[in-house]
């Protein structure tokens, strides 16, 4: 069964580490079989203010195991994810 990772991001400090995070996380997502469905700011904010100016990332994975493999991969957890520290406010959720 496919799994999805939704991230809602309020990037407040797009520094050099954040730029590294973008590239390295994309590599890690591909390595674990994930694909981007949505990546960016809204083309049009239709109702409410919650997503105004936020970056939304939706990735699809072959399974929840593949998604969890990405999240727990030591390279991602120890080297890539910390690049995001101090660059904004991030919310993640997984869905089947």
N, C-alpha and C. Protein backbone atom coordinates (compact mmCIF):
# COMPACT_ATOMS: atom_id res chain seq x y z
N UNK A 1 0.84 -1.18 0.00
CA UNK A 1 0.00 0.00 0.00
C UNK A 1 0.89 1.24 0.00
N UNK A 2 0.59 2.19 -0.83
CA UNK A 2 1.36 3.43 -0.91
C UNK A 2 1.27 4.21 0.40
N UNK A 3 2.29 4.98 0.66
CA UNK A 3 2.33 5.86 1.82
C UNK A 3 2.70 7.26 1.34
N UNK A 4 2.33 8.25 2.12
CA UNK A 4 2.57 9.64 1.76
C UNK A 4 3.16 10.38 2.95
N UNK A 5 4.10 11.26 2.68
CA UNK A 5 4.66 12.12 3.70
C UNK A 5 4.30 13.55 3.32
N UNK A 6 3.60 14.22 4.23
CA UNK A 6 3.21 15.61 4.03
C UNK A 6 4.05 16.48 4.96
N UNK A 7 4.65 17.51 4.41
CA UNK A 7 5.43 18.47 5.19
C UNK A 7 4.88 19.86 4.90
N UNK A 8 4.62 20.61 5.96
CA UNK A 8 4.23 22.01 5.85
C UNK A 8 5.35 22.80 6.51
N UNK A 9 5.97 23.66 5.73
CA UNK A 9 7.21 24.32 6.16
C UNK A 9 7.07 25.83 6.10
N UNK A 10 7.49 26.49 7.18
CA UNK A 10 7.58 27.94 7.21
C UNK A 10 9.07 28.27 7.31
N UNK A 11 9.68 28.48 6.17
CA UNK A 11 11.12 28.72 6.12
C UNK A 11 11.37 30.19 6.41
N UNK A 12 12.09 30.44 7.52
CA UNK A 12 12.37 31.81 7.94
C UNK A 12 13.83 32.21 7.78
N UNK A 13 14.69 31.21 7.58
CA UNK A 13 16.13 31.47 7.46
C UNK A 13 16.73 30.54 6.41
N UNK A 14 16.52 30.85 5.12
CA UNK A 14 17.01 29.96 4.06
C UNK A 14 18.52 30.12 3.84
N UNK A 15 19.29 29.68 4.83
CA UNK A 15 20.74 29.84 4.79
C UNK A 15 21.40 28.74 3.96
N UNK A 16 22.72 28.69 3.99
CA UNK A 16 23.46 27.71 3.19
C UNK A 16 23.13 26.28 3.60
N UNK A 17 22.96 26.03 4.90
CA UNK A 17 22.59 24.68 5.33
C UNK A 17 21.24 24.27 4.77
N UNK A 18 20.31 25.20 4.71
CA UNK A 18 19.00 24.90 4.14
C UNK A 18 19.13 24.52 2.67
N UNK A 19 19.95 25.24 1.96
CA UNK A 19 20.17 24.93 0.54
C UNK A 19 20.78 23.54 0.37
N UNK A 20 21.71 23.17 1.26
CA UNK A 20 22.28 21.82 1.24
C UNK A 20 21.20 20.79 1.55
N UNK A 21 20.34 21.12 2.52
CA UNK A 21 19.26 20.20 2.92
C UNK A 21 18.36 19.88 1.73
N UNK A 22 18.01 20.88 0.96
CA UNK A 22 17.11 20.68 -0.19
C UNK A 22 17.68 19.61 -1.13
N UNK A 23 18.93 19.75 -1.51
CA UNK A 23 19.54 18.81 -2.44
C UNK A 23 19.76 17.43 -1.84
N UNK A 24 20.27 17.39 -0.63
CA UNK A 24 20.57 16.09 -0.01
C UNK A 24 19.30 15.34 0.34
N UNK A 25 18.26 16.03 0.80
CA UNK A 25 17.01 15.32 1.13
C UNK A 25 16.37 14.77 -0.14
N UNK A 26 16.46 15.50 -1.25
CA UNK A 26 15.92 14.99 -2.52
C UNK A 26 16.64 13.71 -2.93
N UNK A 27 17.95 13.68 -2.76
CA UNK A 27 18.72 12.47 -3.07
C UNK A 27 18.29 11.30 -2.19
N UNK A 28 18.08 11.57 -0.91
CA UNK A 28 17.70 10.51 0.03
C UNK A 28 16.28 10.01 -0.24
N UNK A 29 15.39 10.91 -0.62
CA UNK A 29 14.02 10.52 -0.96
C UNK A 29 14.05 9.56 -2.14
N UNK A 30 14.80 9.92 -3.18
CA UNK A 30 14.90 9.05 -4.36
C UNK A 30 15.54 7.71 -4.00
N UNK A 31 16.56 7.74 -3.18
CA UNK A 31 17.26 6.52 -2.76
C UNK A 31 16.30 5.51 -2.12
N UNK A 32 15.29 6.01 -1.42
CA UNK A 32 14.35 5.14 -0.71
C UNK A 32 13.05 4.92 -1.47
N UNK A 33 13.01 5.32 -2.74
CA UNK A 33 11.85 5.06 -3.57
C UNK A 33 10.74 6.09 -3.50
N UNK A 34 11.01 7.22 -2.86
CA UNK A 34 10.01 8.29 -2.77
C UNK A 34 10.00 9.16 -4.02
N UNK A 35 8.84 9.77 -4.27
CA UNK A 35 8.68 10.70 -5.40
C UNK A 35 7.95 11.94 -4.92
N UNK A 36 8.35 13.09 -5.44
CA UNK A 36 7.63 14.32 -5.12
C UNK A 36 6.32 14.37 -5.90
N UNK A 37 5.24 14.69 -5.20
CA UNK A 37 3.94 14.95 -5.82
C UNK A 37 3.73 16.47 -5.88
N UNK A 38 4.03 17.14 -4.77
CA UNK A 38 3.91 18.60 -4.66
C UNK A 38 5.15 19.09 -3.93
N UNK A 39 5.69 20.21 -4.41
CA UNK A 39 6.87 20.79 -3.74
C UNK A 39 6.91 22.27 -4.04
N UNK A 40 6.48 23.09 -3.08
CA UNK A 40 6.55 24.53 -3.26
C UNK A 40 5.45 25.27 -2.54
N UNK A 41 5.38 26.56 -2.84
CA UNK A 41 4.34 27.42 -2.26
C UNK A 41 3.07 27.28 -3.09
N UNK A 42 1.92 27.60 -2.50
CA UNK A 42 0.67 27.48 -3.24
C UNK A 42 0.65 28.37 -4.48
N UNK A 43 0.14 27.84 -5.57
CA UNK A 43 -0.06 28.65 -6.77
C UNK A 43 -1.18 29.65 -6.52
N UNK A 44 -2.12 29.23 -5.67
CA UNK A 44 -3.26 30.08 -5.33
C UNK A 44 -3.75 29.67 -3.95
N UNK A 45 -3.83 30.62 -3.03
CA UNK A 45 -4.39 30.34 -1.71
C UNK A 45 -5.89 30.59 -1.79
N UNK A 46 -6.67 29.54 -1.63
CA UNK A 46 -8.11 29.63 -1.89
C UNK A 46 -8.92 30.05 -0.67
N UNK A 47 -8.64 29.46 0.48
CA UNK A 47 -9.41 29.79 1.68
C UNK A 47 -8.55 29.60 2.92
N UNK A 48 -8.65 30.51 3.85
CA UNK A 48 -7.90 30.43 5.10
C UNK A 48 -6.48 30.95 4.93
N UNK A 49 -5.81 31.11 6.07
CA UNK A 49 -4.47 31.68 6.06
C UNK A 49 -3.40 30.68 6.48
N UNK A 50 -3.78 29.48 6.88
CA UNK A 50 -2.83 28.51 7.40
C UNK A 50 -1.69 28.22 6.44
N UNK A 51 -1.97 28.12 5.16
CA UNK A 51 -0.95 27.74 4.17
C UNK A 51 -0.37 28.94 3.41
N UNK A 52 -0.84 30.13 3.70
CA UNK A 52 -0.35 31.34 3.03
C UNK A 52 1.16 31.46 3.23
N UNK A 53 1.91 31.46 2.13
CA UNK A 53 3.35 31.63 2.17
C UNK A 53 4.14 30.41 2.64
N UNK A 54 3.46 29.33 2.94
CA UNK A 54 4.14 28.12 3.41
C UNK A 54 4.58 27.27 2.22
N UNK A 55 5.62 26.50 2.43
CA UNK A 55 6.05 25.52 1.45
C UNK A 55 5.40 24.20 1.85
N UNK A 56 4.76 23.55 0.90
CA UNK A 56 4.14 22.25 1.14
C UNK A 56 4.87 21.23 0.28
N UNK A 57 5.22 20.13 0.92
CA UNK A 57 5.89 19.04 0.21
C UNK A 57 5.08 17.77 0.46
N UNK A 58 4.67 17.14 -0.62
CA UNK A 58 3.96 15.86 -0.54
C UNK A 58 4.77 14.86 -1.35
N UNK A 59 5.20 13.80 -0.67
CA UNK A 59 5.94 12.74 -1.35
C UNK A 59 5.16 11.45 -1.26
N UNK A 60 5.28 10.62 -2.28
CA UNK A 60 4.64 9.31 -2.32
C UNK A 60 5.73 8.25 -2.22
N UNK A 61 5.43 7.19 -1.48
CA UNK A 61 6.37 6.10 -1.21
C UNK A 61 5.70 4.78 -1.55
N UNK A 62 6.48 3.77 -1.93
CA UNK A 62 5.90 2.46 -2.25
C UNK A 62 5.16 1.83 -1.06
N UNK A 63 5.62 2.14 0.15
CA UNK A 63 5.02 1.55 1.35
C UNK A 63 5.42 2.39 2.57
N UNK A 64 4.74 2.13 3.68
CA UNK A 64 5.12 2.80 4.93
C UNK A 64 6.51 2.35 5.36
N UNK A 65 6.86 1.11 5.06
CA UNK A 65 8.22 0.63 5.37
C UNK A 65 9.28 1.44 4.63
N UNK A 66 9.03 1.74 3.36
CA UNK A 66 9.98 2.55 2.58
C UNK A 66 10.09 3.96 3.17
N UNK A 67 8.96 4.54 3.53
CA UNK A 67 8.95 5.88 4.14
C UNK A 67 9.73 5.87 5.45
N UNK A 68 9.46 4.88 6.29
CA UNK A 68 10.17 4.79 7.56
C UNK A 68 11.65 4.49 7.36
N UNK A 69 11.98 3.75 6.30
CA UNK A 69 13.38 3.52 5.98
C UNK A 69 14.11 4.82 5.69
N UNK A 70 13.44 5.72 4.99
CA UNK A 70 14.00 7.05 4.72
C UNK A 70 14.19 7.82 6.03
N UNK A 71 13.14 7.89 6.84
CA UNK A 71 13.20 8.68 8.07
C UNK A 71 14.25 8.17 9.05
N UNK A 72 14.48 6.87 9.08
CA UNK A 72 15.41 6.29 10.04
C UNK A 72 16.79 5.99 9.45
N UNK A 73 16.97 6.27 8.18
CA UNK A 73 18.28 6.07 7.56
C UNK A 73 19.30 6.92 8.34
N UNK A 74 20.36 6.32 8.85
CA UNK A 74 21.33 7.09 9.64
C UNK A 74 21.90 8.30 8.91
N UNK A 75 22.10 8.18 7.60
CA UNK A 75 22.61 9.33 6.85
C UNK A 75 21.62 10.48 6.89
N UNK A 76 20.33 10.17 6.69
CA UNK A 76 19.32 11.23 6.73
C UNK A 76 19.18 11.77 8.16
N UNK A 77 19.00 10.87 9.11
CA UNK A 77 18.74 11.29 10.49
C UNK A 77 19.90 12.05 11.11
N UNK A 78 21.13 11.65 10.80
CA UNK A 78 22.29 12.24 11.48
C UNK A 78 23.02 13.32 10.70
N UNK A 79 22.88 13.30 9.37
CA UNK A 79 23.63 14.26 8.56
C UNK A 79 22.74 15.24 7.80
N UNK A 80 21.63 14.75 7.26
CA UNK A 80 20.80 15.59 6.40
C UNK A 80 19.77 16.37 7.21
N UNK A 81 18.94 15.72 8.00
CA UNK A 81 17.89 16.40 8.76
C UNK A 81 18.44 17.53 9.64
N UNK A 82 19.60 17.38 10.30
CA UNK A 82 20.12 18.49 11.10
C UNK A 82 20.44 19.75 10.31
N UNK A 83 20.63 19.64 9.01
CA UNK A 83 20.87 20.83 8.19
C UNK A 83 19.68 21.79 8.22
N UNK A 84 18.50 21.27 8.57
CA UNK A 84 17.27 22.06 8.63
C UNK A 84 17.19 22.88 9.91
N UNK A 85 17.96 22.52 10.93
CA UNK A 85 17.88 23.19 12.23
C UNK A 85 18.11 24.69 12.11
N UNK A 86 17.25 25.46 12.75
CA UNK A 86 17.39 26.92 12.76
C UNK A 86 16.96 27.61 11.49
N UNK A 87 16.31 26.87 10.58
CA UNK A 87 15.92 27.49 9.31
C UNK A 87 14.42 27.75 9.20
N UNK A 88 13.64 27.32 10.18
CA UNK A 88 12.20 27.55 10.11
C UNK A 88 11.42 26.62 11.01
N UNK A 89 10.14 26.55 10.74
CA UNK A 89 9.20 25.74 11.50
C UNK A 89 8.64 24.67 10.57
N UNK A 90 8.74 23.41 10.98
CA UNK A 90 8.40 22.29 10.11
C UNK A 90 7.41 21.35 10.79
N UNK A 91 6.43 20.90 10.02
CA UNK A 91 5.43 19.94 10.51
C UNK A 91 5.36 18.81 9.49
N UNK A 92 5.43 17.56 9.98
CA UNK A 92 5.43 16.38 9.12
C UNK A 92 4.36 15.41 9.59
N UNK A 93 3.73 14.73 8.66
CA UNK A 93 2.79 13.65 8.99
C UNK A 93 2.84 12.61 7.88
N UNK A 94 2.65 11.34 8.28
CA UNK A 94 2.64 10.23 7.32
C UNK A 94 1.21 9.72 7.19
N UNK A 95 0.84 9.36 5.97
CA UNK A 95 -0.51 8.86 5.67
C UNK A 95 -0.41 7.60 4.80
N UNK A 96 -1.37 6.70 5.01
CA UNK A 96 -1.48 5.53 4.12
C UNK A 96 -2.64 5.75 3.20
